[in-house]
Amino acid sequence: MKPELHIDGHDFKILIDRNEIEKAVRRLAQRLTDDYRGKNPILVGVLNGAFLFIADLFRAMDVSEAEIDFLKIGSYGDHMTSSGKVTLDKDVSAQLKDRHVIVVEDIVDSGLSVTYIRNHLMYYQPASLEFAALLLKKEKAKTDFPIKYVGFEIGNDFVIGYGLDYQQQYRNLPDVYVTHN
């Protein structure tokens, strides 16, 4: 198969197309609607990668009382693998105490970032704290808690598109692309 993208010596092909993403977003939004109707949840997007996913998810939810906020962490830098160190670059500004919080991630890779976020947000004493991820690398992700809302389970390959980047580029691609090299 001919690669659809060639970036820095890496060939990328579509792993998940925009139609599949849209269906997964609607499915997850329905589950969130069912689980959080009447509970005034707050979705916390993890910048920069989750901004497209959280926007689509938030619009697709049928919960009239819901809030959105963001935090920003760093762990990849400009590389295709995690540095192993997580830094908090921007914290949430909303009050989370006694709120139902859903953290929205583009991808759960090693599990290091979501574990850091969970430990950080528990300090604010939310009523509940769950995670939604478009992509989960189940074989690689190590957490001591479940990721309750998952769009797709994928392998350990590097992916870009639909918010996921390589050196801060390619987030605007409407599909998720994968490379094996």
Foldseek 3Di string as FASTA:
>chain_A
DAAPDADPNWGKHFPFFLVLLLVLLLVLLAVCLVVCAPQLAEEEEEPDQCPLSVVSNVVNHPHPRYHYWYWYKDFAAQHQDGVLDIDTPGDTDDQQAQHAYEYEEAEQAQQSVVQVVVVVCVVSHHVYYAYAYAEYQPVRYDDPDDRPHYSYYDHNFGKAECRRDRNPPRPPHSGIMTTDD
